[in-house]
C-alpha atoms as a PDB file:
ATOM      1  CA  MET A   1     -47.229  21.299  20.092  1.00  0.00           C
ATOM      2  CA  SER A   2     -50.391  21.459  18.443  1.00  0.00           C
ATOM      3  CA  GLU A   3     -51.998  19.557  15.589  1.00  0.00           C
ATOM      4  CA  GLY A   4     -50.714  21.759  12.804  1.00  0.00           C
ATOM      5  CA  ASP A   5     -47.253  22.208  14.130  1.00  0.00           C
ATOM      6  CA  CYS A   6     -44.353  20.714  12.781  1.00  0.00           C
ATOM      7  CA  PRO A   7     -40.849  20.079  14.294  1.00  0.00           C
ATOM      8  CA  PRO A   8     -38.463  22.517  12.999  1.00  0.00           C
ATOM      9  CA  LEU A   9     -36.333  20.977  10.041  1.00  0.00           C
ATOM     10  CA  VAL A  10     -32.629  20.300  10.835  1.00  0.00           C
ATOM     11  CA  VAL A  11     -30.401  21.498   8.303  1.00  0.00           C
ATOM     12  CA  VAL A  12     -27.182  19.498   7.886  1.00  0.00           C
ATOM     13  CA  GLU A  13     -24.401  21.193   6.134  1.00  0.00           C
ATOM     14  CA  LYS A  14     -22.267  19.194   3.722  1.00  0.00           C
ATOM     15  CA  LYS A  15     -18.437  19.624   4.245  1.00  0.00           C
ATOM     16  CA  LYS A  16     -16.304  19.845   1.057  1.00  0.00           C
ATOM     17  CA  MET A  17     -13.615  17.136   0.697  1.00  0.00           C
ATOM     18  CA  THR A  18     -10.364  17.566   0.487  1.00  0.00           C
ATOM     19  CA  LEU A  19      -8.419  16.327  -2.774  1.00  0.00           C
ATOM     20  CA  ALA A  20      -6.984  13.289  -0.258  1.00  0.00           C
ATOM     21  CA  GLN A  21     -10.305  12.329   0.756  1.00  0.00           C
ATOM     22  CA  LYS A  22     -11.671  12.599  -2.750  1.00  0.00           C
ATOM     23  CA  THR A  23      -8.956  10.201  -3.970  1.00  0.00           C
ATOM     24  CA  ASP A  24      -9.233   8.122  -0.968  1.00  0.00           C
ATOM     25  CA  TYR A  25     -12.979   7.615  -1.684  1.00  0.00           C
ATOM     26  CA  PHE A  26     -12.123   7.215  -5.417  1.00  0.00           C
ATOM     27  CA  PHE A  27      -9.491   4.415  -4.922  1.00  0.00           C
ATOM     28  CA  ASN A  28     -11.257   2.764  -2.035  1.00  0.00           C
ATOM     29  CA  LYS A  29     -14.844   3.134  -3.265  1.00  0.00           C
ATOM     30  CA  VAL A  30     -14.711   3.076  -6.955  1.00  0.00           C
ATOM     31  CA  LEU A  31     -11.621   1.436  -8.211  1.00  0.00           C
ATOM     32  CA  PRO A  32     -10.594  -1.384  -5.967  1.00  0.00           C
ATOM     33  CA  LYS A  33      -6.682  -1.978  -5.440  1.00  0.00           C
ATOM     34  CA  LYS A  34      -6.843  -5.184  -6.900  1.00  0.00           C
ATOM     35  CA  PHE A  35      -8.197  -3.898 -10.046  1.00  0.00           C
ATOM     36  CA  ILE A  36      -5.842  -1.312 -10.446  1.00  0.00           C
ATOM     37  CA  VAL A  37      -2.987  -3.836 -10.453  1.00  0.00           C
ATOM     38  CA  PHE A  38      -4.593  -5.657 -13.129  1.00  0.00           C
ATOM     39  CA  LEU A  39      -4.981  -2.344 -15.447  1.00  0.00           C
ATOM     40  CA  VAL A  40      -1.535  -1.564 -14.585  1.00  0.00           C
ATOM     41  CA  ALA A  41      -0.282  -5.407 -15.756  1.00  0.00           C
ATOM     42  CA  THR A  42      -2.268  -5.040 -19.217  1.00  0.00           C
ATOM     43  CA  ALA A  43      -1.106  -1.374 -19.508  1.00  0.00           C
ATOM     44  CA  PHE A  44       2.470  -3.069 -19.274  1.00  0.00           C
ATOM     45  CA  VAL A  45       1.849  -5.874 -21.428  1.00  0.00           C
ATOM     46  CA  PHE A  46       0.754  -3.580 -24.232  1.00  0.00           C
ATOM     47  CA  ILE A  47       4.013  -1.490 -23.804  1.00  0.00           C
ATOM     48  CA  SER A  48       5.966  -4.758 -23.885  1.00  0.00           C
ATOM     49  CA  LYS A  49       7.206  -4.377 -20.355  1.00  0.00           C
ATOM     50  CA  LEU A  50       5.641  -7.504 -19.081  1.00  0.00           C
ATOM     51  CA  ASP A  51       5.468 -10.871 -20.261  1.00  0.00           C
ATOM     52  CA  GLY A  52       2.027 -12.764 -21.362  1.00  0.00           C
ATOM     53  CA  ASP A  53       2.754 -15.513 -18.816  1.00  0.00           C
ATOM     54  CA  LEU A  54       3.472 -12.922 -16.060  1.00  0.00           C
ATOM     55  CA  TRP A  55       0.157 -11.265 -16.981  1.00  0.00           C
ATOM     56  CA  ALA A  56      -1.735 -14.526 -16.596  1.00  0.00           C
ATOM     57  CA  TYR A  57      -0.352 -14.833 -13.270  1.00  0.00           C
ATOM     58  CA  VAL A  58      -1.566 -11.384 -12.602  1.00  0.00           C
ATOM     59  CA  ALA A  59      -4.884 -12.069 -13.965  1.00  0.00           C
ATOM     60  CA  MET A  60      -5.475 -15.512 -12.134  1.00  0.00           C
ATOM     61  CA  ILE A  61      -4.436 -13.701  -8.922  1.00  0.00           C
ATOM     62  CA  TYR A  62      -6.940 -11.119  -9.555  1.00  0.00           C
ATOM     63  CA  MET A  63      -9.639 -13.251 -10.370  1.00  0.00           C
ATOM     64  CA  GLY A  64      -8.786 -16.053  -7.413  1.00  0.00           C
ATOM     65  CA  GLY A  65      -8.698 -12.742  -4.954  1.00  0.00           C
ATOM     66  CA  ASN A  66     -12.246 -11.755  -6.204  1.00  0.00           C
ATOM     67  CA  ILE A  67     -13.596 -15.319  -5.887  1.00  0.00           C
ATOM     68  CA  VAL A  68     -12.454 -15.653  -2.217  1.00  0.00           C
ATOM     69  CA  GLN A  69     -13.921 -12.091  -1.573  1.00  0.00           C
ATOM     70  CA  HIS A  70     -17.126 -13.147  -2.940  1.00  0.00           C
ATOM     71  CA  ILE A  71     -17.007 -16.717  -1.387  1.00  0.00           C
ATOM     72  CA  SER A  72     -16.330 -15.278   2.231  1.00  0.00           C
ATOM     73  CA  THR A  73     -18.798 -12.675   2.074  1.00  0.00           C
ATOM     74  CA  ASP A  74     -21.435 -15.189   1.013  1.00  0.00           C
ATOM     75  CA  ILE A  75     -20.385 -17.239   4.399  1.00  0.00           C
ATOM     76  CA  SER A  76     -20.302 -14.579   6.419  1.00  0.00           C
ATOM     77  CA  GLU A  77     -23.993 -13.814   5.209  1.00  0.00           C
ATOM     78  CA  ALA A  78     -24.876 -17.314   5.824  1.00  0.00           C
ATOM     79  CA  ILE A  79     -23.695 -17.614   9.085  1.00  0.00           C
ATOM     80  CA  LYS A  80     -25.728 -14.172  10.025  1.00  0.00           C
ATOM     81  CA  ALA A  81     -28.799 -15.296   8.730  1.00  0.00           C
ATOM     82  CA  LYS A  82     -28.756 -18.710  10.612  1.00  0.00           C
ATOM     83  CA  LYS A  83     -28.688 -17.596  14.220  1.00  0.00           C
ATOM     84  CA  PRO A  84     -29.068 -20.622  16.557  1.00  0.00           C
ATOM     85  CA  THR A  85     -31.812 -20.410  19.098  1.00  0.00           C
ATOM     86  CA  LEU A  86     -31.557 -21.982  22.672  1.00  0.00           C
ATOM     87  CA  GLU A  87     -33.795 -24.793  21.410  1.00  0.00           C
ATOM     88  CA  GLU A  88     -31.346 -25.643  18.558  1.00  0.00           C
ATOM     89  CA  LYS A  89     -28.196 -25.608  20.834  1.00  0.00           C
END
């Protein structure tokens, strides 16, 4: 190639997602399953299908699950950031 020549552009075609792929993406990325359970429990409280005490348990489990998830992510990132060298061993 000479100085003025540019490599050819590569065109990547986007494949259209099926309805199943779109719903999987929505429920896995946009709305996590734990949050959906929390929303359903809240809706059941409003239509009197769920007791307030049970809703409190669902809320505690939801919040506890999120806390555990965030703590485990923080710990794993901290472990990955601190990799011992041969001199430290």
